[in-house]
PDB file of N, CA and C in Angstrom:
ATOM      1  N   UNK A   1      41.149   8.400  -2.897  1.00  0.00           N
ATOM      2  CA  UNK A   1      40.324   7.436  -2.189  1.00  0.00           C
ATOM      3  C   UNK A   1      38.985   8.099  -1.840  1.00  0.00           C
ATOM      4  N   UNK A   2      37.922   7.380  -2.099  1.00  0.00           N
ATOM      5  CA  UNK A   2      36.585   7.919  -1.882  1.00  0.00           C
ATOM      6  C   UNK A   2      36.049   7.457  -0.532  1.00  0.00           C
ATOM      7  N   UNK A   3      35.484   8.401   0.214  1.00  0.00           N
ATOM      8  CA  UNK A   3      34.906   8.070   1.518  1.00  0.00           C
ATOM      9  C   UNK A   3      33.637   7.259   1.311  1.00  0.00           C
ATOM     10  N   UNK A   4      33.477   6.261   2.147  1.00  0.00           N
ATOM     11  CA  UNK A   4      32.294   5.413   2.048  1.00  0.00           C
ATOM     12  C   UNK A   4      31.188   5.988   2.928  1.00  0.00           C
ATOM     13  N   UNK A   5      30.039   6.204   2.332  1.00  0.00           N
ATOM     14  CA  UNK A   5      28.903   6.747   3.066  1.00  0.00           C
ATOM     15  C   UNK A   5      27.951   5.598   3.362  1.00  0.00           C
ATOM     16  N   UNK A   6      27.669   5.426   4.644  1.00  0.00           N
ATOM     17  CA  UNK A   6      26.747   4.371   5.036  1.00  0.00           C
ATOM     18  C   UNK A   6      25.328   4.915   5.010  1.00  0.00           C
ATOM     19  N   UNK A   7      24.437   4.139   4.442  1.00  0.00           N
ATOM     20  CA  UNK A   7      23.029   4.507   4.456  1.00  0.00           C
ATOM     21  C   UNK A   7      22.271   3.461   5.260  1.00  0.00           C
ATOM     22  N   UNK A   8      21.331   3.921   6.014  1.00  0.00           N
ATOM     23  CA  UNK A   8      20.526   3.046   6.852  1.00  0.00           C
ATOM     24  C   UNK A   8      19.081   3.135   6.391  1.00  0.00           C
ATOM     25  N   UNK A   9      18.374   2.022   6.437  1.00  0.00           N
ATOM     26  CA  UNK A   9      16.954   2.101   6.074  1.00  0.00           C
ATOM     27  C   UNK A   9      16.200   2.946   7.095  1.00  0.00           C
ATOM     28  N   UNK A  10      15.198   3.655   6.619  1.00  0.00           N
ATOM     29  CA  UNK A  10      14.390   4.480   7.518  1.00  0.00           C
ATOM     30  C   UNK A  10      13.615   3.589   8.471  1.00  0.00           C
ATOM     31  N   UNK A  11      13.595   3.950   9.729  1.00  0.00           N
ATOM     32  CA  UNK A  11      12.800   3.239  10.728  1.00  0.00           C
ATOM     33  C   UNK A  11      11.450   3.907  10.926  1.00  0.00           C
ATOM     34  N   UNK A  12      11.418   5.220  10.710  1.00  0.00           N
ATOM     35  CA  UNK A  12      10.201   6.006  10.917  1.00  0.00           C
ATOM     36  C   UNK A  12       9.862   6.766   9.642  1.00  0.00           C
ATOM     37  N   UNK A  13       8.572   6.825   9.343  1.00  0.00           N
ATOM     38  CA  UNK A  13       8.102   7.529   8.153  1.00  0.00           C
ATOM     39  C   UNK A  13       7.145   8.643   8.549  1.00  0.00           C
ATOM     40  N   UNK A  14       7.116   9.688   7.752  1.00  0.00           N
ATOM     41  CA  UNK A  14       6.100  10.718   7.943  1.00  0.00           C
ATOM     42  C   UNK A  14       4.756  10.146   7.487  1.00  0.00           C
ATOM     43  N   UNK A  15       3.686  10.841   7.816  1.00  0.00           N
ATOM     44  CA  UNK A  15       2.358  10.420   7.359  1.00  0.00           C
ATOM     45  C   UNK A  15       2.338  10.358   5.830  1.00  0.00           C
ATOM     46  N   UNK A  16       2.906  11.364   5.189  1.00  0.00           N
ATOM     47  CA  UNK A  16       2.918  11.405   3.722  1.00  0.00           C
ATOM     48  C   UNK A  16       3.703  10.229   3.142  1.00  0.00           C
ATOM     49  N   UNK A  17       4.853   9.918   3.735  1.00  0.00           N
ATOM     50  CA  UNK A  17       5.658   8.790   3.247  1.00  0.00           C
ATOM     51  C   UNK A  17       4.930   7.462   3.441  1.00  0.00           C
ATOM     52  N   UNK A  18       4.299   7.296   4.598  1.00  0.00           N
ATOM     53  CA  UNK A  18       3.555   6.063   4.869  1.00  0.00           C
ATOM     54  C   UNK A  18       2.372   5.942   3.915  1.00  0.00           C
ATOM     55  N   UNK A  19       1.678   7.040   3.681  1.00  0.00           N
ATOM     56  CA  UNK A  19       0.544   7.033   2.752  1.00  0.00           C
ATOM     57  C   UNK A  19       1.002   6.639   1.352  1.00  0.00           C
ATOM     58  N   UNK A  20       2.138   7.176   0.944  1.00  0.00           N
ATOM     59  CA  UNK A  20       2.669   6.868  -0.381  1.00  0.00           C
ATOM     60  C   UNK A  20       3.032   5.386  -0.481  1.00  0.00           C
ATOM     61  N   UNK A  21       3.647   4.841   0.557  1.00  0.00           N
ATOM     62  CA  UNK A  21       4.023   3.421   0.535  1.00  0.00           C
ATOM     63  C   UNK A  21       2.807   2.510   0.466  1.00  0.00           C
ATOM     64  N   UNK A  22       1.714   2.921   1.103  1.00  0.00           N
ATOM     65  CA  UNK A  22       0.496   2.111   1.099  1.00  0.00           C
ATOM     66  C   UNK A  22      -0.437   2.465  -0.060  1.00  0.00           C
ATOM     67  N   UNK A  23      -0.066   3.505  -0.813  1.00  0.00           N
ATOM     68  CA  UNK A  23      -0.890   3.997  -1.916  1.00  0.00           C
ATOM     69  C   UNK A  23      -2.279   4.424  -1.416  1.00  0.00           C
ATOM     70  N   UNK A  24      -2.274   5.134  -0.298  1.00  0.00           N
ATOM     71  CA  UNK A  24      -3.492   5.663   0.315  1.00  0.00           C
ATOM     72  C   UNK A  24      -3.346   7.172   0.475  1.00  0.00           C
ATOM     73  N   UNK A  25      -4.445   7.845   0.742  1.00  0.00           N
ATOM     74  CA  UNK A  25      -4.384   9.294   0.956  1.00  0.00           C
ATOM     75  C   UNK A  25      -3.868   9.602   2.363  1.00  0.00           C
ATOM     76  N   UNK A  26      -3.345  10.802   2.515  1.00  0.00           N
ATOM     77  CA  UNK A  26      -2.882  11.233   3.839  1.00  0.00           C
ATOM     78  C   UNK A  26      -4.038  11.267   4.822  1.00  0.00           C
ATOM     79  N   UNK A  27      -5.203  11.721   4.373  1.00  0.00           N
ATOM     80  CA  UNK A  27      -6.340  11.814   5.296  1.00  0.00           C
ATOM     81  C   UNK A  27      -6.772  10.432   5.777  1.00  0.00           C
ATOM     82  N   UNK A  28      -6.714   9.431   4.910  1.00  0.00           N
ATOM     83  CA  UNK A  28      -7.051   8.074   5.343  1.00  0.00           C
ATOM     84  C   UNK A  28      -6.019   7.570   6.348  1.00  0.00           C
ATOM     85  N   UNK A  29      -4.747   7.908   6.125  1.00  0.00           N
ATOM     86  CA  UNK A  29      -3.704   7.510   7.086  1.00  0.00           C
ATOM     87  C   UNK A  29      -3.967   8.134   8.447  1.00  0.00           C
ATOM     88  N   UNK A  30      -4.325   9.419   8.463  1.00  0.00           N
ATOM     89  CA  UNK A  30      -4.643  10.072   9.735  1.00  0.00           C
ATOM     90  C   UNK A  30      -5.827   9.383  10.407  1.00  0.00           C
ATOM     91  N   UNK A  31      -6.839   9.005   9.627  1.00  0.00           N
ATOM     92  CA  UNK A  31      -7.994   8.286  10.184  1.00  0.00           C
ATOM     93  C   UNK A  31      -7.564   6.963  10.810  1.00  0.00           C
ATOM     94  N   UNK A  32      -6.690   6.229  10.128  1.00  0.00           N
ATOM     95  CA  UNK A  32      -6.210   4.943  10.651  1.00  0.00           C
ATOM     96  C   UNK A  32      -5.426   5.134  11.946  1.00  0.00           C
ATOM     97  N   UNK A  33      -4.631   6.191  12.005  1.00  0.00           N
ATOM     98  CA  UNK A  33      -3.858   6.489  13.218  1.00  0.00           C
ATOM     99  C   UNK A  33      -4.800   6.863  14.355  1.00  0.00           C
ATOM    100  N   UNK A  34      -5.749   7.757  14.084  1.00  0.00           N
ATOM    101  CA  UNK A  34      -6.667   8.215  15.133  1.00  0.00           C
ATOM    102  C   UNK A  34      -7.559   7.092  15.654  1.00  0.00           C
ATOM    103  N   UNK A  35      -7.905   6.139  14.788  1.00  0.00           N
ATOM    104  CA  UNK A  35      -8.753   5.019  15.212  1.00  0.00           C
ATOM    105  C   UNK A  35      -7.957   3.939  15.945  1.00  0.00           C
ATOM    106  N   UNK A  36      -6.624   4.042  15.890  1.00  0.00           N
ATOM    107  CA  UNK A  36      -5.789   3.040  16.546  1.00  0.00           C
ATOM    108  C   UNK A  36      -5.486   1.833  15.678  1.00  0.00           C
ATOM    109  N   UNK A  37      -5.963   1.837  14.437  1.00  0.00           N
ATOM    110  CA  UNK A  37      -5.697   0.711  13.533  1.00  0.00           C
ATOM    111  C   UNK A  37      -4.248   0.687  13.066  1.00  0.00           C
ATOM    112  N   UNK A  38      -3.625   1.851  13.031  1.00  0.00           N
ATOM    113  CA  UNK A  38      -2.229   1.970  12.621  1.00  0.00           C
ATOM    114  C   UNK A  38      -1.463   2.662  13.740  1.00  0.00           C
ATOM    115  N   UNK A  39      -0.435   2.007  14.217  1.00  0.00           N
ATOM    116  CA  UNK A  39       0.364   2.535  15.328  1.00  0.00           C
ATOM    117  C   UNK A  39       1.239   3.683  14.838  1.00  0.00           C
ATOM    118  N   UNK A  40       1.313   4.728  15.645  1.00  0.00           N
ATOM    119  CA  UNK A  40       2.210   5.841  15.350  1.00  0.00           C
ATOM    120  C   UNK A  40       2.849   6.300  16.651  1.00  0.00           C
ATOM    121  N   UNK A  41       3.894   7.073  16.512  1.00  0.00           N
ATOM    122  CA  UNK A  41       4.524   7.673  17.684  1.00  0.00           C
ATOM    123  C   UNK A  41       4.609   9.179  17.453  1.00  0.00           C
ATOM    124  N   UNK A  42       4.674   9.905  18.540  1.00  0.00           N
ATOM    125  CA  UNK A  42       4.800  11.352  18.448  1.00  0.00           C
ATOM    126  C   UNK A  42       6.105  11.750  19.125  1.00  0.00           C
ATOM    127  N   UNK A  43       6.933  12.451  18.392  1.00  0.00           N
ATOM    128  CA  UNK A  43       8.191  12.981  18.912  1.00  0.00           C
ATOM    129  C   UNK A  43       8.050  14.497  18.868  1.00  0.00           C
ATOM    130  N   UNK A  44       7.859  15.059  20.057  1.00  0.00           N
ATOM    131  CA  UNK A  44       7.510  16.481  20.181  1.00  0.00           C
ATOM    132  C   UNK A  44       6.264  16.741  19.346  1.00  0.00           C
ATOM    133  N   UNK A  45       6.371  17.532  18.275  1.00  0.00           N
ATOM    134  CA  UNK A  45       5.192  17.825  17.452  1.00  0.00           C
ATOM    135  C   UNK A  45       5.108  16.948  16.203  1.00  0.00           C
ATOM    136  N   UNK A  46       6.102  16.104  16.004  1.00  0.00           N
ATOM    137  CA  UNK A  46       6.161  15.298  14.783  1.00  0.00           C
ATOM    138  C   UNK A  46       5.521  13.926  14.983  1.00  0.00           C
ATOM    139  N   UNK A  47       4.579  13.579  14.129  1.00  0.00           N
ATOM    140  CA  UNK A  47       3.937  12.264  14.150  1.00  0.00           C
ATOM    141  C   UNK A  47       4.676  11.377  13.151  1.00  0.00           C
ATOM    142  N   UNK A  48       5.089  10.197  13.588  1.00  0.00           N
ATOM    143  CA  UNK A  48       5.819   9.273  12.728  1.00  0.00           C
ATOM    144  C   UNK A  48       5.210   7.883  12.808  1.00  0.00           C
ATOM    145  N   UNK A  49       5.321   7.158  11.700  1.00  0.00           N
ATOM    146  CA  UNK A  49       4.829   5.789  11.611  1.00  0.00           C
ATOM    147  C   UNK A  49       6.041   4.869  11.517  1.00  0.00           C
ATOM    148  N   UNK A  50       6.219   3.963  12.477  1.00  0.00           N
ATOM    149  CA  UNK A  50       7.311   2.997  12.353  1.00  0.00           C
ATOM    150  C   UNK A  50       7.070   2.082  11.145  1.00  0.00           C
ATOM    151  N   UNK A  51       8.119   1.783  10.410  1.00  0.00           N
ATOM    152  CA  UNK A  51       8.005   0.876   9.270  1.00  0.00           C
ATOM    153  C   UNK A  51       7.428  -0.458   9.735  1.00  0.00           C
ATOM    154  N   UNK A  52       7.824  -0.901  10.905  1.00  0.00           N
ATOM    155  CA  UNK A  52       7.311  -2.167  11.438  1.00  0.00           C
ATOM    156  C   UNK A  52       5.795  -2.106  11.649  1.00  0.00           C
ATOM    157  N   UNK A  53       5.262  -0.929  11.970  1.00  0.00           N
ATOM    158  CA  UNK A  53       3.814  -0.776  12.151  1.00  0.00           C
ATOM    159  C   UNK A  53       3.084  -0.922  10.818  1.00  0.00           C
ATOM    160  N   UNK A  54       3.701  -0.448   9.732  1.00  0.00           N
ATOM    161  CA  UNK A  54       3.103  -0.630   8.408  1.00  0.00           C
ATOM    162  C   UNK A  54       3.032  -2.110   8.060  1.00  0.00           C
ATOM    163  N   UNK A  55       4.121  -2.824   8.339  1.00  0.00           N
ATOM    164  CA  UNK A  55       4.162  -4.256   8.043  1.00  0.00           C
ATOM    165  C   UNK A  55       3.115  -5.007   8.862  1.00  0.00           C
ATOM    166  N   UNK A  56       2.979  -4.655  10.137  1.00  0.00           N
ATOM    167  CA  UNK A  56       1.973  -5.280  11.004  1.00  0.00           C
ATOM    168  C   UNK A  56       0.570  -4.977  10.494  1.00  0.00           C
ATOM    169  N   UNK A  57       0.326  -3.736  10.120  1.00  0.00           N
ATOM    170  CA  UNK A  57      -0.979  -3.328   9.600  1.00  0.00           C
ATOM    171  C   UNK A  57      -1.340  -4.140   8.357  1.00  0.00           C
ATOM    172  N   UNK A  58      -0.389  -4.292   7.449  1.00  0.00           N
ATOM    173  CA  UNK A  58      -0.637  -5.055   6.223  1.00  0.00           C
ATOM    174  C   UNK A  58      -0.968  -6.506   6.560  1.00  0.00           C
ATOM    175  N   UNK A  59      -0.207  -7.109   7.469  1.00  0.00           N
ATOM    176  CA  UNK A  59      -0.473  -8.498   7.867  1.00  0.00           C
ATOM    177  C   UNK A  59      -1.863  -8.637   8.478  1.00  0.00           C
ATOM    178  N   UNK A  60      -2.258  -7.685   9.303  1.00  0.00           N
ATOM    179  CA  UNK A  60      -3.587  -7.723   9.918  1.00  0.00           C
ATOM    180  C   UNK A  60      -4.680  -7.619   8.863  1.00  0.00           C
ATOM    181  N   UNK A  61      -4.461  -6.786   7.862  1.00  0.00           N
ATOM    182  CA  UNK A  61      -5.439  -6.648   6.787  1.00  0.00           C
ATOM    183  C   UNK A  61      -5.539  -7.939   5.979  1.00  0.00           C
ATOM    184  N   UNK A  62      -4.402  -8.571   5.725  1.00  0.00           N
ATOM    185  CA  UNK A  62      -4.403  -9.841   4.995  1.00  0.00           C
ATOM    186  C   UNK A  62      -5.128 -10.923   5.782  1.00  0.00           C
ATOM    187  N   UNK A  63      -4.893 -10.979   7.083  1.00  0.00           N
ATOM    188  CA  UNK A  63      -5.555 -11.978   7.918  1.00  0.00           C
ATOM    189  C   UNK A  63      -7.053 -11.724   7.970  1.00  0.00           C
ATOM    190  N   UNK A  64      -7.447 -10.473   8.042  1.00  0.00           N
ATOM    191  CA  UNK A  64      -8.864 -10.131   8.046  1.00  0.00           C
ATOM    192  C   UNK A  64      -9.535 -10.519   6.743  1.00  0.00           C
ATOM    193  N   UNK A  65      -8.832 -10.315   5.614  1.00  0.00           N
ATOM    194  CA  UNK A  65      -9.376 -10.702   4.313  1.00  0.00           C
ATOM    195  C   UNK A  65      -9.527 -12.208   4.215  1.00  0.00           C
ATOM    196  N   UNK A  66      -8.567 -12.960   4.759  1.00  0.00           N
ATOM    197  CA  UNK A  66      -8.619 -14.420   4.700  1.00  0.00           C
ATOM    198  C   UNK A  66      -9.763 -14.970   5.532  1.00  0.00           C
ATOM    199  N   UNK A  67     -10.137 -14.294   6.597  1.00  0.00           N
ATOM    200  CA  UNK A  67     -11.217 -14.763   7.459  1.00  0.00           C
ATOM    201  C   UNK A  67     -12.575 -14.587   6.790  1.00  0.00           C
ATOM    202  N   UNK A  68     -12.667 -13.671   5.828  1.00  0.00           N
ATOM    203  CA  UNK A  68     -13.939 -13.410   5.164  1.00  0.00           C
ATOM    204  C   UNK A  68     -14.140 -14.269   3.922  1.00  0.00           C
ATOM    205  N   UNK A  69     -13.169 -15.107   3.591  1.00  0.00           N
ATOM    206  CA  UNK A  69     -13.290 -15.953   2.393  1.00  0.00           C
ATOM    207  C   UNK A  69     -13.959 -17.252   2.701  1.00  0.00           C
TER     208      UNK A  69
END
């Protein structure tokens, strides 16, 4: 009998992982975090981006694009 391993979706991403998902550079991600455009959290010395913050950021960008049309 094989043990079943449960996998959970990631809730938090590193800067590099978030940059890869958005197809942006790490430095641009840091700029977005520092400007407050992209929400991040800090756990001790580790900076993480909630997946939900990426989704919110994308929606905000889409809404901004629609307003300029």
